[in-house]
Amino acid sequence: YDKPVFVVSTSLKELPEAVKNKATILSLDPNAILQQLSLQ
């Protein structure tokens, strides 16, 4: 990917070192995800 990536998970607490600057963890429901991304 060359776009911002958001990983949806309630079990992942941390990303592997190799992708820490390439993805962000979200633990939200679909509506909240859209709201947060819209605000960004």
PDB file of all heavy atoms in Angstrom:
ATOM      1  N   TYR A   1       0.815  -1.217   0.000  1.00  0.00           N
ATOM      2  CA  TYR A   1       0.000   0.000   0.000  1.00  0.00           C
ATOM      3  C   TYR A   1       0.849   1.268   0.000  1.00  0.00           C
ATOM      4  O   TYR A   1       1.866   1.333   0.668  1.00  0.00           O
ATOM      5  CB  TYR A   1      -0.921   0.019   1.226  1.00  0.00           C
ATOM      6  CG  TYR A   1      -1.759  -1.217   1.388  1.00  0.00           C
ATOM      7  CD1 TYR A   1      -1.604  -2.053   2.482  1.00  0.00           C
ATOM      8  CD2 TYR A   1      -2.721  -1.556   0.437  1.00  0.00           C
ATOM      9  CE1 TYR A   1      -2.377  -3.186   2.645  1.00  0.00           C
ATOM     10  CE2 TYR A   1      -3.505  -2.693   0.582  1.00  0.00           C
ATOM     11  CZ  TYR A   1      -3.321  -3.504   1.697  1.00  0.00           C
ATOM     12  OH  TYR A   1      -4.094  -4.625   1.843  1.00  0.00           O
ATOM     13  N   ASP A   2       0.345   2.289  -0.707  1.00  0.00           N
ATOM     14  CA  ASP A   2       1.000   3.595  -0.663  1.00  0.00           C
ATOM     15  C   ASP A   2       0.025   4.657  -0.160  1.00  0.00           C
ATOM     16  O   ASP A   2       0.250   5.843  -0.331  1.00  0.00           O
ATOM     17  CB  ASP A   2       1.582   3.972  -2.028  1.00  0.00           C
ATOM     18  CG  ASP A   2       0.529   4.107  -3.112  1.00  0.00           C
ATOM     19  OD1 ASP A   2      -0.661   3.849  -2.847  1.00  0.00           O
ATOM     20  OD2 ASP A   2       0.892   4.491  -4.237  1.00  0.00           O
ATOM     21  N   LYS A   3      -1.054   4.196   0.443  1.00  0.00           N
ATOM     22  CA  LYS A   3      -2.052   5.084   1.055  1.00  0.00           C
ATOM     23  C   LYS A   3      -2.070   4.812   2.559  1.00  0.00           C
ATOM     24  O   LYS A   3      -1.601   3.770   3.012  1.00  0.00           O
ATOM     25  CB  LYS A   3      -3.445   4.774   0.491  1.00  0.00           C
ATOM     26  CG  LYS A   3      -3.544   4.740  -1.019  1.00  0.00           C
ATOM     27  CD  LYS A   3      -3.990   6.045  -1.559  1.00  0.00           C
ATOM     28  CE  LYS A   3      -4.052   5.958  -3.090  1.00  0.00           C
ATOM     29  NZ  LYS A   3      -4.576   7.133  -3.669  1.00  0.00           N
ATOM     30  N   PRO A   4      -2.667   5.718   3.345  1.00  0.00           N
ATOM     31  CA  PRO A   4      -2.796   5.439   4.780  1.00  0.00           C
ATOM     32  C   PRO A   4      -3.625   4.168   4.995  1.00  0.00           C
ATOM     33  O   PRO A   4      -4.655   3.971   4.358  1.00  0.00           O
ATOM     34  CB  PRO A   4      -3.542   6.665   5.310  1.00  0.00           C
ATOM     35  CG  PRO A   4      -3.266   7.745   4.307  1.00  0.00           C
ATOM     36  CD  PRO A   4      -3.162   7.043   2.986  1.00  0.00           C
ATOM     37  N   VAL A   5      -3.143   3.293   5.892  1.00  0.00           N
ATOM     38  CA  VAL A   5      -3.800   2.029   6.180  1.00  0.00           C
ATOM     39  C   VAL A   5      -4.235   2.009   7.643  1.00  0.00           C
ATOM     40  O   VAL A   5      -3.457   2.359   8.536  1.00  0.00           O
ATOM     41  CB  VAL A   5      -2.868   0.828   5.898  1.00  0.00           C
ATOM     42  CG1 VAL A   5      -3.509  -0.486   6.333  1.00  0.00           C
ATOM     43  CG2 VAL A   5      -2.495   0.780   4.427  1.00  0.00           C
ATOM     44  N   PHE A   6      -5.477   1.587   7.858  1.00  0.00           N
ATOM     45  CA  PHE A   6      -6.032   1.449   9.200  1.00  0.00           C
ATOM     46  C   PHE A   6      -6.427  -0.005   9.387  1.00  0.00           C
ATOM     47  O   PHE A   6      -7.193  -0.548   8.597  1.00  0.00           O
ATOM     48  CB  PHE A   6      -7.227   2.388   9.379  1.00  0.00           C
ATOM     49  CG  PHE A   6      -6.843   3.831   9.230  1.00  0.00           C
ATOM     50  CD1 PHE A   6      -6.864   4.443   7.985  1.00  0.00           C
ATOM     51  CD2 PHE A   6      -6.416   4.571  10.322  1.00  0.00           C
ATOM     52  CE1 PHE A   6      -6.483   5.774   7.823  1.00  0.00           C
ATOM     53  CE2 PHE A   6      -6.026   5.902  10.175  1.00  0.00           C
ATOM     54  CZ  PHE A   6      -6.064   6.493   8.923  1.00  0.00           C
ATOM     55  N   VAL A   7      -5.875  -0.631  10.420  1.00  0.00           N
ATOM     56  CA  VAL A   7      -6.139  -2.035  10.705  1.00  0.00           C
ATOM     57  C   VAL A   7      -7.179  -2.095  11.819  1.00  0.00           C
ATOM     58  O   VAL A   7      -6.950  -1.583  12.919  1.00  0.00           O
ATOM     59  CB  VAL A   7      -4.855  -2.762  11.152  1.00  0.00           C
ATOM     60  CG1 VAL A   7      -5.147  -4.228  11.440  1.00  0.00           C
ATOM     61  CG2 VAL A   7      -3.760  -2.612  10.109  1.00  0.00           C
ATOM     62  N   VAL A   8      -8.318  -2.711  11.524  1.00  0.00           N
ATOM     63  CA  VAL A   8      -9.392  -2.806  12.511  1.00  0.00           C
ATOM     64  C   VAL A   8      -9.221  -4.104  13.294  1.00  0.00           C
ATOM     65  O   VAL A   8      -9.255  -5.194  12.725  1.00  0.00           O
ATOM     66  CB  VAL A   8     -10.777  -2.754  11.835  1.00  0.00           C
ATOM     67  CG1 VAL A   8     -11.876  -2.858  12.885  1.00  0.00           C
ATOM     68  CG2 VAL A   8     -10.914  -1.474  11.028  1.00  0.00           C
ATOM     69  N   SER A   9      -9.016  -3.947  14.604  1.00  0.00           N
ATOM     70  CA  SER A   9      -8.824  -5.120  15.457  1.00  0.00           C
ATOM     71  C   SER A   9      -9.070  -4.748  16.913  1.00  0.00           C
ATOM     72  O   SER A   9      -8.681  -3.664  17.352  1.00  0.00           O
ATOM     73  CB  SER A   9      -7.399  -5.649  15.308  1.00  0.00           C
ATOM     74  OG  SER A   9      -7.169  -6.713  16.204  1.00  0.00           O
ATOM     75  N   THR A  10      -9.706  -5.658  17.630  1.00  0.00           N
ATOM     76  CA  THR A  10      -9.853  -5.478  19.073  1.00  0.00           C
ATOM     77  C   THR A  10      -8.779  -6.262  19.819  1.00  0.00           C
ATOM     78  O   THR A  10      -8.569  -6.046  21.004  1.00  0.00           O
ATOM     79  CB  THR A  10     -11.246  -5.934  19.553  1.00  0.00           C
ATOM     80  OG1 THR A  10     -11.451  -7.290  19.137  1.00  0.00           O
ATOM     81  CG2 THR A  10     -12.343  -5.040  18.982  1.00  0.00           C
ATOM     82  N   SER A  11      -8.085  -7.171  19.110  1.00  0.00           N
ATOM     83  CA  SER A  11      -7.070  -7.989  19.773  1.00  0.00           C
ATOM     84  C   SER A  11      -5.645  -7.476  19.569  1.00  0.00           C
ATOM     85  O   SER A  11      -4.792  -7.685  20.420  1.00  0.00           O
ATOM     86  CB  SER A  11      -7.167  -9.445  19.304  1.00  0.00           C
ATOM     87  OG  SER A  11      -6.953  -9.533  17.916  1.00  0.00           O
ATOM     88  N   LEU A  12      -5.392  -6.808  18.456  1.00  0.00           N
ATOM     89  CA  LEU A  12      -4.049  -6.252  18.206  1.00  0.00           C
ATOM     90  C   LEU A  12      -3.841  -5.017  19.078  1.00  0.00           C
ATOM     91  O   LEU A  12      -4.661  -4.108  19.072  1.00  0.00           O
ATOM     92  CB  LEU A  12      -3.911  -5.816  16.754  1.00  0.00           C
ATOM     93  CG  LEU A  12      -3.319  -6.755  15.733  1.00  0.00           C
ATOM     94  CD1 LEU A  12      -3.276  -6.089  14.362  1.00  0.00           C
ATOM     95  CD2 LEU A  12      -1.970  -7.270  16.107  1.00  0.00           C
ATOM     96  N   LYS A  13      -2.761  -5.000  19.799  1.00  0.00           N
ATOM     97  CA  LYS A  13      -2.456  -3.839  20.641  1.00  0.00           C
ATOM     98  C   LYS A  13      -1.285  -3.039  20.084  1.00  0.00           C
ATOM     99  O   LYS A  13      -1.121  -1.860  20.388  1.00  0.00           O
ATOM    100  CB  LYS A  13      -2.152  -4.273  22.074  1.00  0.00           C
ATOM    101  CG  LYS A  13      -3.280  -5.049  22.723  1.00  0.00           C
ATOM    102  CD  LYS A  13      -4.572  -4.270  22.744  1.00  0.00           C
ATOM    103  CE  LYS A  13      -5.696  -5.084  23.339  1.00  0.00           C
ATOM    104  NZ  LYS A  13      -6.994  -4.749  22.859  1.00  0.00           N
ATOM    105  N   GLU A  14      -0.464  -3.709  19.279  1.00  0.00           N
ATOM    106  CA  GLU A  14       0.722  -3.070  18.736  1.00  0.00           C
ATOM    107  C   GLU A  14       1.022  -3.664  17.365  1.00  0.00           C
ATOM    108  O   GLU A  14       0.812  -4.856  17.127  1.00  0.00           O
ATOM    109  CB  GLU A  14       1.905  -3.318  19.683  1.00  0.00           C
ATOM    110  CG  GLU A  14       3.100  -2.486  19.401  1.00  0.00           C
ATOM    111  CD  GLU A  14       4.175  -2.676  20.476  1.00  0.00           C
ATOM    112  OE1 GLU A  14       4.069  -3.597  21.308  1.00  0.00           O
ATOM    113  OE2 GLU A  14       5.136  -1.890  20.452  1.00  0.00           O
ATOM    114  N   LEU A  15       1.510  -2.825  16.467  1.00  0.00           N
ATOM    115  CA  LEU A  15       1.885  -3.275  15.130  1.00  0.00           C
ATOM    116  C   LEU A  15       3.320  -3.783  15.126  1.00  0.00           C
ATOM    117  O   LEU A  15       4.143  -3.299  15.902  1.00  0.00           O
ATOM    118  CB  LEU A  15       1.765  -2.115  14.138  1.00  0.00           C
ATOM    119  CG  LEU A  15       0.355  -1.591  13.890  1.00  0.00           C
ATOM    120  CD1 LEU A  15       0.418  -0.287  13.101  1.00  0.00           C
ATOM    121  CD2 LEU A  15      -0.476  -2.619  13.161  1.00  0.00           C
ATOM    122  N   PRO A  16       3.631  -4.724  14.231  1.00  0.00           N
ATOM    123  CA  PRO A  16       5.031  -5.146  14.095  1.00  0.00           C
ATOM    124  C   PRO A  16       5.903  -3.947  13.717  1.00  0.00           C
ATOM    125  O   PRO A  16       5.464  -3.027  13.024  1.00  0.00           O
ATOM    126  CB  PRO A  16       4.980  -6.161  12.953  1.00  0.00           C
ATOM    127  CG  PRO A  16       3.570  -6.631  12.890  1.00  0.00           C
ATOM    128  CD  PRO A  16       2.741  -5.467  13.345  1.00  0.00           C
ATOM    129  N   GLU A  17       7.135  -3.974  14.162  1.00  0.00           N
ATOM    130  CA  GLU A  17       8.076  -2.871  13.949  1.00  0.00           C
ATOM    131  C   GLU A  17       8.163  -2.451  12.474  1.00  0.00           C
ATOM    132  O   GLU A  17       8.212  -1.269  12.158  1.00  0.00           O
ATOM    133  CB  GLU A  17       9.461  -3.271  14.464  1.00  0.00           C
ATOM    134  CG  GLU A  17      10.404  -2.106  14.652  1.00  0.00           C
ATOM    135  CD  GLU A  17       9.924  -1.093  15.678  1.00  0.00           C
ATOM    136  OE1 GLU A  17       9.424  -1.468  16.755  1.00  0.00           O
ATOM    137  OE2 GLU A  17      10.058   0.110  15.387  1.00  0.00           O
ATOM    138  N   ALA A  18       8.151  -3.430  11.566  1.00  0.00           N
ATOM    139  CA  ALA A  18       8.328  -3.157  10.133  1.00  0.00           C
ATOM    140  C   ALA A  18       7.217  -2.305   9.532  1.00  0.00           C
ATOM    141  O   ALA A  18       7.410  -1.676   8.494  1.00  0.00           O
ATOM    142  CB  ALA A  18       8.439  -4.473   9.361  1.00  0.00           C
ATOM    143  N   VAL A  19       6.047  -2.263  10.163  1.00  0.00           N
ATOM    144  CA  VAL A  19       4.923  -1.500   9.590  1.00  0.00           C
ATOM    145  C   VAL A  19       4.374  -0.433  10.529  1.00  0.00           C
ATOM    146  O   VAL A  19       3.323   0.154  10.253  1.00  0.00           O
ATOM    147  CB  VAL A  19       3.773  -2.446   9.131  1.00  0.00           C
ATOM    148  CG1 VAL A  19       4.242  -3.350   8.028  1.00  0.00           C
ATOM    149  CG2 VAL A  19       3.204  -3.229  10.294  1.00  0.00           C
ATOM    150  N   LYS A  20       5.078  -0.140  11.606  1.00  0.00           N
ATOM    151  CA  LYS A  20       4.583   0.852  12.576  1.00  0.00           C
ATOM    152  C   LYS A  20       4.322   2.220  11.953  1.00  0.00           C
ATOM    153  O   LYS A  20       3.403   2.912  12.347  1.00  0.00           O
ATOM    154  CB  LYS A  20       5.536   0.984  13.752  1.00  0.00           C
ATOM    155  CG  LYS A  20       5.321  -0.075  14.786  1.00  0.00           C
ATOM    156  CD  LYS A  20       6.065   0.208  16.055  1.00  0.00           C
ATOM    157  CE  LYS A  20       5.695  -0.874  17.055  1.00  0.00           C
ATOM    158  NZ  LYS A  20       6.329  -0.695  18.322  1.00  0.00           N
ATOM    159  N   ASN A  21       5.119   2.611  10.978  1.00  0.00           N
ATOM    160  CA  ASN A  21       4.922   3.920  10.341  1.00  0.00           C
ATOM    161  C   ASN A  21       4.056   3.815   9.088  1.00  0.00           C
ATOM    162  O   ASN A  21       3.881   4.794   8.376  1.00  0.00           O
ATOM    163  CB  ASN A  21       6.276   4.554  10.012  1.00  0.00           C
ATOM    164  CG  ASN A  21       7.077   3.720   9.024  1.00  0.00           C
ATOM    165  OD1 ASN A  21       6.789   2.556   8.803  1.00  0.00           O
ATOM    166  ND2 ASN A  21       8.087   4.337   8.429  1.00  0.00           N
ATOM    167  N   LYS A  22       3.499   2.629   8.818  1.00  0.00           N
ATOM    168  CA  LYS A  22       2.706   2.424   7.608  1.00  0.00           C
ATOM    169  C   LYS A  22       1.236   2.145   7.885  1.00  0.00           C
ATOM    170  O   LYS A  22       0.432   2.136   6.959  1.00  0.00           O
ATOM    171  CB  LYS A  22       3.293   1.264   6.798  1.00  0.00           C
ATOM    172  CG  LYS A  22       4.719   1.514   6.340  1.00  0.00           C
ATOM    173  CD  LYS A  22       5.286   0.326   5.629  1.00  0.00           C
ATOM    174  CE  LYS A  22       6.729   0.608   5.232  1.00  0.00           C
ATOM    175  NZ  LYS A  22       7.361  -0.538   4.618  1.00  0.00           N
ATOM    176  N   ALA A  23       0.883   1.889   9.141  1.00  0.00           N
ATOM    177  CA  ALA A  23      -0.495   1.534   9.471  1.00  0.00           C
ATOM    178  C   ALA A  23      -0.830   2.032  10.872  1.00  0.00           C
ATOM    179  O   ALA A  23       0.056   2.337  11.669  1.00  0.00           O
ATOM    180  CB  ALA A  23      -0.686   0.025   9.379  1.00  0.00           C
ATOM    181  N   THR A  24      -2.132   2.083  11.134  1.00  0.00           N
ATOM    182  CA  THR A  24      -2.651   2.508  12.434  1.00  0.00           C
ATOM    183  C   THR A  24      -3.719   1.513  12.859  1.00  0.00           C
ATOM    184  O   THR A  24      -4.536   1.094  12.038  1.00  0.00           O
ATOM    185  CB  THR A  24      -3.291   3.916  12.326  1.00  0.00           C
ATOM    186  OG1 THR A  24      -2.313   4.825  11.811  1.00  0.00           O
ATOM    187  CG2 THR A  24      -3.805   4.409  13.659  1.00  0.00           C
ATOM    188  N   ILE A  25      -3.727   1.153  14.122  1.00  0.00           N
ATOM    189  CA  ILE A  25      -4.749   0.236  14.638  1.00  0.00           C
ATOM    190  C   ILE A  25      -5.979   1.040  15.055  1.00  0.00           C
ATOM    191  O   ILE A  25      -5.870   2.068  15.721  1.00  0.00           O
ATOM    192  CB  ILE A  25      -4.224  -0.556  15.854  1.00  0.00           C
ATOM    193  CG1 ILE A  25      -3.040  -1.428  15.456  1.00  0.00           C
ATOM    194  CG2 ILE A  25      -5.338  -1.419  16.458  1.00  0.00           C
ATOM    195  CD1 ILE A  25      -2.343  -2.100  16.628  1.00  0.00           C
ATOM    196  N   LEU A  26      -7.152   0.548  14.673  1.00  0.00           N
ATOM    197  CA  LEU A  26      -8.426   1.112  15.110  1.00  0.00           C
ATOM    198  C   LEU A  26      -9.223   0.011  15.795  1.00  0.00           C
ATOM    199  O   LEU A  26      -9.319  -1.099  15.272  1.00  0.00           O
ATOM    200  CB  LEU A  26      -9.245   1.637  13.924  1.00  0.00           C
ATOM    201  CG  LEU A  26      -8.701   2.814  13.132  1.00  0.00           C
ATOM    202  CD1 LEU A  26      -9.636   3.135  11.973  1.00  0.00           C
ATOM    203  CD2 LEU A  26      -8.540   4.028  14.029  1.00  0.00           C
ATOM    204  N   SER A  27      -9.817   0.320  16.931  1.00  0.00           N
ATOM    205  CA  SER A  27     -10.682  -0.636  17.632  1.00  0.00           C
ATOM    206  C   SER A  27     -12.071  -0.026  17.749  1.00  0.00           C
ATOM    207  O   SER A  27     -12.589   0.177  18.844  1.00  0.00           O
ATOM    208  CB  SER A  27     -10.118  -0.952  19.025  1.00  0.00           C
ATOM    209  OG  SER A  27      -8.863  -1.556  18.919  1.00  0.00           O
ATOM    210  N   LEU A  28     -12.656   0.291  16.591  1.00  0.00           N
ATOM    211  CA  LEU A  28     -13.938   0.985  16.544  1.00  0.00           C
ATOM    212  C   LEU A  28     -14.935   0.213  15.694  1.00  0.00           C
ATOM    213  O   LEU A  28     -14.547  -0.607  14.869  1.00  0.00           O
ATOM    214  CB  LEU A  28     -13.747   2.380  15.922  1.00  0.00           C
ATOM    215  CG  LEU A  28     -12.731   3.308  16.596  1.00  0.00           C
ATOM    216  CD1 LEU A  28     -12.472   4.521  15.710  1.00  0.00           C
ATOM    217  CD2 LEU A  28     -13.234   3.734  17.959  1.00  0.00           C
ATOM    218  N   ASP A  29     -16.220   0.521  15.868  1.00  0.00           N
ATOM    219  CA  ASP A  29     -17.236  -0.079  15.012  1.00  0.00           C
ATOM    220  C   ASP A  29     -17.273   0.686  13.688  1.00  0.00           C
ATOM    221  O   ASP A  29     -16.703   1.777  13.577  1.00  0.00           O
ATOM    222  CB  ASP A  29     -18.609  -0.086  15.703  1.00  0.00           C
ATOM    223  CG  ASP A  29     -19.166   1.309  15.925  1.00  0.00           C
ATOM    224  OD1 ASP A  29     -19.347   2.058  14.941  1.00  0.00           O
ATOM    225  OD2 ASP A  29     -19.443   1.660  17.090  1.00  0.00           O
ATOM    226  N   PRO A  30     -17.919   0.125  12.658  1.00  0.00           N
ATOM    227  CA  PRO A  30     -17.906   0.762  11.332  1.00  0.00           C
ATOM    228  C   PRO A  30     -18.353   2.228  11.311  1.00  0.00           C
ATOM    229  O   PRO A  30     -17.710   3.054  10.658  1.00  0.00           O
ATOM    230  CB  PRO A  30     -18.837  -0.124  10.504  1.00  0.00           C
ATOM    231  CG  PRO A  30     -18.667  -1.479  11.112  1.00  0.00           C
ATOM    232  CD  PRO A  30     -18.559  -1.208  12.598  1.00  0.00           C
ATOM    233  N   ASN A  31     -19.415   2.568  12.021  1.00  0.00           N
ATOM    234  CA  ASN A  31     -19.865   3.968  12.038  1.00  0.00           C
ATOM    235  C   ASN A  31     -18.805   4.888  12.621  1.00  0.00           C
ATOM    236  O   ASN A  31     -18.525   5.956  12.077  1.00  0.00           O
ATOM    237  CB  ASN A  31     -21.173   4.104  12.835  1.00  0.00           C
ATOM    238  CG  ASN A  31     -22.376   3.694  12.035  1.00  0.00           C
ATOM    239  OD1 ASN A  31     -22.644   4.252  10.978  1.00  0.00           O
ATOM    240  ND2 ASN A  31     -23.093   2.697  12.509  1.00  0.00           N
ATOM    241  N   ALA A  32     -18.204   4.475  13.727  1.00  0.00           N
ATOM    242  CA  ALA A  32     -17.176   5.288  14.378  1.00  0.00           C
ATOM    243  C   ALA A  32     -15.923   5.399  13.493  1.00  0.00           C
ATOM    244  O   ALA A  32     -15.270   6.443  13.473  1.00  0.00           O
ATOM    245  CB  ALA A  32     -16.824   4.705  15.743  1.00  0.00           C
ATOM    246  N   ILE A  33     -15.615   4.340  12.771  1.00  0.00           N
ATOM    247  CA  ILE A  33     -14.464   4.380  11.852  1.00  0.00           C
ATOM    248  C   ILE A  33     -14.684   5.463  10.805  1.00  0.00           C
ATOM    249  O   ILE A  33     -13.808   6.291  10.556  1.00  0.00           O
ATOM    250  CB  ILE A  33     -14.234   3.011  11.182  1.00  0.00           C
ATOM    251  CG1 ILE A  33     -13.719   2.004  12.204  1.00  0.00           C
ATOM    252  CG2 ILE A  33     -13.266   3.130  10.000  1.00  0.00           C
ATOM    253  CD1 ILE A  33     -13.714   0.563  11.714  1.00  0.00           C
ATOM    254  N   LEU A  34     -15.866   5.443  10.185  1.00  0.00           N
ATOM    255  CA  LEU A  34     -16.157   6.451   9.160  1.00  0.00           C
ATOM    256  C   LEU A  34     -16.143   7.858   9.736  1.00  0.00           C
ATOM    257  O   LEU A  34     -15.619   8.779   9.100  1.00  0.00           O
ATOM    258  CB  LEU A  34     -17.498   6.160   8.490  1.00  0.00           C
ATOM    259  CG  LEU A  34     -17.565   4.905   7.625  1.00  0.00           C
ATOM    260  CD1 LEU A  34     -18.904   4.833   6.896  1.00  0.00           C
ATOM    261  CD2 LEU A  34     -16.427   4.835   6.631  1.00  0.00           C
ATOM    262  N   GLN A  35     -16.685   8.030  10.931  1.00  0.00           N
ATOM    263  CA  GLN A  35     -16.674   9.354  11.560  1.00  0.00           C
ATOM    264  C   GLN A  35     -15.244   9.831  11.807  1.00  0.00           C
ATOM    265  O   GLN A  35     -14.902  10.968  11.494  1.00  0.00           O
ATOM    266  CB  GLN A  35     -17.451   9.325  12.877  1.00  0.00           C
ATOM    267  CG  GLN A  35     -18.948   9.218  12.687  1.00  0.00           C
ATOM    268  CD  GLN A  35     -19.689   9.071  14.012  1.00  0.00           C
ATOM    269  OE1 GLN A  35     -19.115   8.769  15.051  1.00  0.00           O
ATOM    270  NE2 GLN A  35     -20.993   9.269  13.959  1.00  0.00           N
ATOM    271  N   GLN A  36     -14.415   8.947  12.369  1.00  0.00           N
ATOM    272  CA  GLN A  36     -13.033   9.336  12.675  1.00  0.00           C
ATOM    273  C   GLN A  36     -12.262   9.650  11.402  1.00  0.00           C
ATOM    274  O   GLN A  36     -11.548  10.656  11.340  1.00  0.00           O
ATOM    275  CB  GLN A  36     -12.320   8.239  13.460  1.00  0.00           C
ATOM    276  CG  GLN A  36     -10.890   8.644  13.798  1.00  0.00           C
ATOM    277  CD  GLN A  36     -10.218   7.672  14.741  1.00  0.00           C
ATOM    278  OE1 GLN A  36     -10.843   7.113  15.615  1.00  0.00           O
ATOM    279  NE2 GLN A  36      -8.920   7.502  14.569  1.00  0.00           N
ATOM    280  N   LEU A  37     -12.401   8.810  10.389  1.00  0.00           N
ATOM    281  CA  LEU A  37     -11.658   9.055   9.152  1.00  0.00           C
ATOM    282  C   LEU A  37     -12.147  10.316   8.444  1.00  0.00           C
ATOM    283  O   LEU A  37     -11.350  11.041   7.856  1.00  0.00           O
ATOM    284  CB  LEU A  37     -11.730   7.836   8.237  1.00  0.00           C
ATOM    285  CG  LEU A  37     -11.029   6.586   8.770  1.00  0.00           C
ATOM    286  CD1 LEU A  37     -11.133   5.456   7.769  1.00  0.00           C
ATOM    287  CD2 LEU A  37      -9.584   6.862   9.139  1.00  0.00           C
ATOM    288  N   SER A  38     -13.426  10.577   8.534  1.00  0.00           N
ATOM    289  CA  SER A  38     -13.976  11.806   7.953  1.00  0.00           C
ATOM    290  C   SER A  38     -13.377  13.032   8.650  1.00  0.00           C
ATOM    291  O   SER A  38     -12.999  14.003   7.995  1.00  0.00           O
ATOM    292  CB  SER A  38     -15.497  11.807   8.075  1.00  0.00           C
ATOM    293  OG  SER A  38     -16.027  12.995   7.526  1.00  0.00           O
ATOM    294  N   LEU A  39     -13.269  12.976   9.973  1.00  0.00           N
ATOM    295  CA  LEU A  39     -12.669  14.079  10.732  1.00  0.00           C
ATOM    296  C   LEU A  39     -11.197  14.281  10.369  1.00  0.00           C
ATOM    297  O   LEU A  39     -10.672  15.387  10.483  1.00  0.00           O
ATOM    298  CB  LEU A  39     -12.794  13.831  12.238  1.00  0.00           C
ATOM    299  CG  LEU A  39     -14.207  13.941  12.812  1.00  0.00           C
ATOM    300  CD1 LEU A  39     -14.230  13.488  14.268  1.00  0.00           C
ATOM    301  CD2 LEU A  39     -14.737  15.359  12.670  1.00  0.00           C
ATOM    302  N   GLN A  40     -10.546  13.225   9.903  1.00  0.00           N
ATOM    303  CA  GLN A  40      -9.152  13.319   9.485  1.00  0.00           C
ATOM    304  C   GLN A  40      -9.024  13.763   8.027  1.00  0.00           C
ATOM    305  O   GLN A  40      -7.922  13.854   7.494  1.00  0.00           O
ATOM    306  CB  GLN A  40      -8.454  11.958   9.675  1.00  0.00           C
ATOM    307  CG  GLN A  40      -8.283  11.573  11.120  1.00  0.00           C
ATOM    308  CD  GLN A  40      -7.589  10.227  11.275  1.00  0.00           C
ATOM    309  OE1 GLN A  40      -6.763   9.836  10.447  1.00  0.00           O
ATOM    310  NE2 GLN A  40      -7.917   9.510  12.330  1.00  0.00           N
TER     311      GLN A  40
END
